[in-house]
Amino acid sequence: MFVIITYDINVKRVGKVCKKLREHLTWTQNSVFEGELTKGQFMKCRKEVEKIIDPSEDSIYYYIVENPKHIKKDTVGNEKGDFDLFF
């Protein structure tokens, strides 16, 4: 499955969350990660990140796309990610 994760994390924890997400996904923009994961990989990533955050202050959005062929991504300006995942 294709996963997009966005977040708004308190500055005290943002570095830890960013580092953890980089282990699993590609950083594409400030507070945005995306990539292909199996369901098991996604659940592991989610569990690890949710151990770091404080739900009373932080928020994370998970967008799960079962068929990434239905996504079209247009980028204007400087791409921050390592590579484009869409063709």
N, C-alpha and C. Protein backbone atom coordinates (compact mmCIF):
# COMPACT_ATOMS: atom_id res chain seq x y z
N MET A 1 0.83 -1.18 0.00
CA MET A 1 0.00 0.00 0.00
C MET A 1 0.88 1.24 0.00
N PHE A 2 0.34 2.32 -0.50
CA PHE A 2 1.05 3.60 -0.52
C PHE A 2 0.55 4.42 0.65
N VAL A 3 1.47 5.02 1.41
CA VAL A 3 1.11 5.76 2.62
C VAL A 3 1.67 7.17 2.54
N ILE A 4 0.85 8.12 2.93
CA ILE A 4 1.28 9.51 3.11
C ILE A 4 1.02 9.85 4.57
N ILE A 5 2.03 10.35 5.25
CA ILE A 5 1.88 10.74 6.65
C ILE A 5 2.24 12.21 6.77
N THR A 6 1.34 12.97 7.38
CA THR A 6 1.60 14.37 7.68
C THR A 6 1.47 14.55 9.18
N TYR A 7 2.14 15.55 9.70
CA TYR A 7 2.08 15.72 11.15
C TYR A 7 2.29 17.16 11.57
N ASP A 8 1.81 17.45 12.76
CA ASP A 8 2.04 18.73 13.44
C ASP A 8 2.46 18.35 14.85
N ILE A 9 3.75 18.40 15.13
CA ILE A 9 4.32 17.89 16.36
C ILE A 9 5.01 19.02 17.12
N ASN A 10 4.89 19.01 18.42
CA ASN A 10 5.57 19.98 19.27
C ASN A 10 7.08 19.92 18.99
N VAL A 11 7.71 21.06 18.99
CA VAL A 11 9.13 21.18 18.66
C VAL A 11 10.00 20.26 19.52
N LYS A 12 9.55 19.95 20.73
CA LYS A 12 10.33 19.07 21.62
C LYS A 12 10.44 17.65 21.08
N ARG A 13 9.46 17.23 20.26
CA ARG A 13 9.42 15.85 19.77
C ARG A 13 9.58 15.74 18.26
N VAL A 14 9.54 16.83 17.55
CA VAL A 14 9.51 16.77 16.09
C VAL A 14 10.75 16.08 15.50
N GLY A 15 11.91 16.30 16.07
CA GLY A 15 13.12 15.66 15.56
C GLY A 15 13.07 14.15 15.68
N LYS A 16 12.56 13.65 16.79
CA LYS A 16 12.45 12.21 16.99
C LYS A 16 11.45 11.59 16.02
N VAL A 17 10.33 12.28 15.81
CA VAL A 17 9.31 11.77 14.88
C VAL A 17 9.87 11.77 13.46
N CYS A 18 10.51 12.83 13.06
CA CYS A 18 11.10 12.92 11.73
C CYS A 18 12.12 11.81 11.51
N LYS A 19 12.98 11.59 12.47
CA LYS A 19 14.00 10.55 12.37
C LYS A 19 13.36 9.17 12.23
N LYS A 20 12.33 8.91 13.01
CA LYS A 20 11.65 7.62 12.96
C LYS A 20 10.97 7.42 11.62
N LEU A 21 10.31 8.43 11.10
CA LEU A 21 9.63 8.30 9.81
C LEU A 21 10.62 8.10 8.67
N ARG A 22 11.79 8.71 8.77
CA ARG A 22 12.83 8.53 7.73
C ARG A 22 13.30 7.08 7.65
N GLU A 23 13.13 6.31 8.72
CA GLU A 23 13.51 4.90 8.70
C GLU A 23 12.57 4.08 7.81
N HIS A 24 11.37 4.61 7.58
CA HIS A 24 10.35 3.84 6.87
C HIS A 24 9.90 4.45 5.54
N LEU A 25 9.96 5.77 5.44
CA LEU A 25 9.36 6.47 4.30
C LEU A 25 10.32 7.52 3.73
N THR A 26 9.92 8.14 2.65
CA THR A 26 10.70 9.19 2.01
C THR A 26 10.14 10.55 2.43
N TRP A 27 11.03 11.43 2.87
CA TRP A 27 10.64 12.79 3.23
C TRP A 27 10.41 13.56 1.94
N THR A 28 9.23 14.13 1.77
CA THR A 28 8.93 14.85 0.54
C THR A 28 8.74 16.34 0.76
N GLN A 29 8.40 16.72 1.97
CA GLN A 29 8.17 18.14 2.28
C GLN A 29 8.18 18.27 3.79
N ASN A 30 8.35 19.48 4.30
CA ASN A 30 8.30 19.66 5.75
C ASN A 30 7.03 19.02 6.29
N SER A 31 7.19 18.14 7.24
CA SER A 31 6.09 17.44 7.92
C SER A 31 5.30 16.49 7.02
N VAL A 32 5.89 16.05 5.92
CA VAL A 32 5.21 15.11 5.02
C VAL A 32 6.18 14.00 4.60
N PHE A 33 5.72 12.77 4.75
CA PHE A 33 6.47 11.60 4.32
C PHE A 33 5.55 10.74 3.48
N GLU A 34 6.14 9.98 2.54
CA GLU A 34 5.33 9.10 1.70
C GLU A 34 6.15 7.91 1.25
N GLY A 35 5.46 6.84 0.87
CA GLY A 35 6.15 5.68 0.35
C GLY A 35 5.31 4.42 0.40
N GLU A 36 5.86 3.38 -0.22
CA GLU A 36 5.23 2.06 -0.24
C GLU A 36 5.61 1.28 1.01
N LEU A 37 4.62 0.73 1.69
CA LEU A 37 4.85 -0.12 2.86
C LEU A 37 3.90 -1.30 2.81
N THR A 38 4.33 -2.40 3.38
CA THR A 38 3.38 -3.49 3.59
C THR A 38 2.52 -3.10 4.80
N LYS A 39 1.45 -3.83 5.00
CA LYS A 39 0.59 -3.54 6.15
C LYS A 39 1.38 -3.70 7.45
N GLY A 40 2.21 -4.75 7.53
CA GLY A 40 3.03 -4.96 8.73
C GLY A 40 4.03 -3.83 8.96
N GLN A 41 4.67 -3.37 7.90
CA GLN A 41 5.62 -2.26 8.02
C GLN A 41 4.90 -0.99 8.47
N PHE A 42 3.70 -0.75 7.90
CA PHE A 42 2.94 0.43 8.29
C PHE A 42 2.55 0.37 9.77
N MET A 43 2.09 -0.78 10.22
CA MET A 43 1.68 -0.90 11.62
C MET A 43 2.88 -0.70 12.56
N LYS A 44 4.04 -1.22 12.18
CA LYS A 44 5.25 -1.03 12.98
C LYS A 44 5.63 0.45 13.04
N CYS A 45 5.63 1.10 11.89
CA CYS A 45 5.96 2.53 11.82
C CYS A 45 5.00 3.35 12.68
N ARG A 46 3.73 3.08 12.51
CA ARG A 46 2.71 3.81 13.26
C ARG A 46 2.89 3.63 14.77
N LYS A 47 3.10 2.41 15.19
CA LYS A 47 3.29 2.12 16.61
C LYS A 47 4.50 2.86 17.17
N GLU A 48 5.61 2.85 16.43
CA GLU A 48 6.83 3.52 16.87
C GLU A 48 6.64 5.03 16.99
N VAL A 49 5.97 5.61 16.01
CA VAL A 49 5.74 7.06 16.02
C VAL A 49 4.78 7.45 17.15
N GLU A 50 3.76 6.65 17.35
CA GLU A 50 2.77 6.99 18.37
C GLU A 50 3.30 6.81 19.79
N LYS A 51 4.42 6.11 19.95
CA LYS A 51 5.09 6.04 21.25
C LYS A 51 5.79 7.36 21.57
N ILE A 52 6.15 8.11 20.54
CA ILE A 52 6.91 9.35 20.70
C ILE A 52 5.99 10.54 20.97
N ILE A 53 4.86 10.58 20.31
CA ILE A 53 4.03 11.79 20.36
C ILE A 53 3.24 11.92 21.66
N ASP A 54 2.73 13.11 21.88
CA ASP A 54 1.79 13.38 22.97
C ASP A 54 0.47 13.75 22.31
N PRO A 55 -0.52 12.84 22.33
CA PRO A 55 -1.78 13.09 21.63
C PRO A 55 -2.54 14.33 22.11
N SER A 56 -2.22 14.82 23.30
CA SER A 56 -2.90 16.03 23.77
C SER A 56 -2.34 17.29 23.12
N GLU A 57 -1.15 17.20 22.50
CA GLU A 57 -0.52 18.35 21.85
C GLU A 57 -0.26 18.15 20.36
N ASP A 58 -0.04 16.90 19.95
CA ASP A 58 0.43 16.60 18.60
C ASP A 58 -0.67 15.97 17.76
N SER A 59 -0.50 16.04 16.44
CA SER A 59 -1.45 15.35 15.56
C SER A 59 -0.69 14.73 14.38
N ILE A 60 -1.19 13.56 13.97
CA ILE A 60 -0.64 12.84 12.83
C ILE A 60 -1.81 12.42 11.96
N TYR A 61 -1.67 12.60 10.64
CA TYR A 61 -2.68 12.15 9.68
C TYR A 61 -2.06 11.06 8.82
N TYR A 62 -2.77 9.94 8.72
CA TYR A 62 -2.34 8.82 7.89
C TYR A 62 -3.27 8.72 6.69
N TYR A 63 -2.71 8.80 5.50
CA TYR A 63 -3.48 8.61 4.27
C TYR A 63 -3.00 7.31 3.65
N ILE A 64 -3.89 6.35 3.54
CA ILE A 64 -3.54 5.03 3.03
C ILE A 64 -4.22 4.85 1.69
N VAL A 65 -3.40 4.57 0.67
CA VAL A 65 -3.90 4.41 -0.68
C VAL A 65 -3.67 2.95 -1.09
N GLU A 66 -4.75 2.23 -1.28
CA GLU A 66 -4.63 0.82 -1.64
C GLU A 66 -4.06 0.65 -3.05
N ASN A 67 -4.42 1.54 -3.97
CA ASN A 67 -3.94 1.44 -5.34
C ASN A 67 -3.30 2.76 -5.75
N PRO A 68 -1.98 2.89 -5.63
CA PRO A 68 -1.32 4.16 -5.92
C PRO A 68 -1.36 4.56 -7.40
N LYS A 69 -1.82 3.68 -8.27
CA LYS A 69 -1.93 4.04 -9.69
C LYS A 69 -3.01 5.09 -9.91
N HIS A 70 -3.87 5.30 -8.92
CA HIS A 70 -4.93 6.28 -9.04
C HIS A 70 -4.53 7.65 -8.49
N ILE A 71 -3.27 7.81 -8.16
CA ILE A 71 -2.79 9.10 -7.64
C ILE A 71 -1.98 9.80 -8.72
N LYS A 72 -2.25 11.06 -8.89
CA LYS A 72 -1.42 11.89 -9.76
C LYS A 72 -0.83 12.99 -8.88
N LYS A 73 0.46 13.16 -8.96
CA LYS A 73 1.14 14.15 -8.14
C LYS A 73 1.77 15.20 -9.05
N ASP A 74 1.40 16.44 -8.85
CA ASP A 74 2.02 17.56 -9.56
C ASP A 74 2.83 18.37 -8.55
N THR A 75 4.03 18.73 -8.92
CA THR A 75 4.90 19.50 -8.03
C THR A 75 5.29 20.80 -8.72
N VAL A 76 5.20 21.88 -7.99
CA VAL A 76 5.66 23.18 -8.47
C VAL A 76 6.76 23.63 -7.52
N GLY A 77 7.89 24.00 -8.04
CA GLY A 77 8.98 24.46 -7.20
C GLY A 77 9.95 23.35 -6.84
N ASN A 78 10.70 23.58 -5.80
CA ASN A 78 11.77 22.70 -5.37
C ASN A 78 11.24 21.43 -4.71
N GLU A 79 11.57 20.27 -5.29
CA GLU A 79 11.20 19.00 -4.68
C GLU A 79 12.22 18.65 -3.62
N LYS A 80 11.76 18.33 -2.43
CA LYS A 80 12.66 18.04 -1.33
C LYS A 80 12.97 16.57 -1.18
N GLY A 81 12.12 15.71 -1.71
CA GLY A 81 12.32 14.27 -1.57
C GLY A 81 13.47 13.78 -2.42
N ASP A 82 13.91 12.55 -2.12
CA ASP A 82 15.01 11.95 -2.84
C ASP A 82 14.66 11.58 -4.27
N PHE A 83 13.39 11.17 -4.49
CA PHE A 83 12.97 10.75 -5.81
C PHE A 83 11.45 10.85 -5.90
N ASP A 84 10.96 10.82 -7.13
CA ASP A 84 9.53 10.89 -7.36
C ASP A 84 8.97 9.48 -7.37
N LEU A 85 7.97 9.22 -6.55
CA LEU A 85 7.39 7.89 -6.43
C LEU A 85 6.30 7.63 -7.45
N PHE A 86 5.88 8.66 -8.16
CA PHE A 86 4.81 8.53 -9.14
C PHE A 86 5.38 8.64 -10.54
N PHE A 87 4.79 7.95 -11.47
CA PHE A 87 5.26 7.99 -12.85
C PHE A 87 4.23 8.62 -13.74
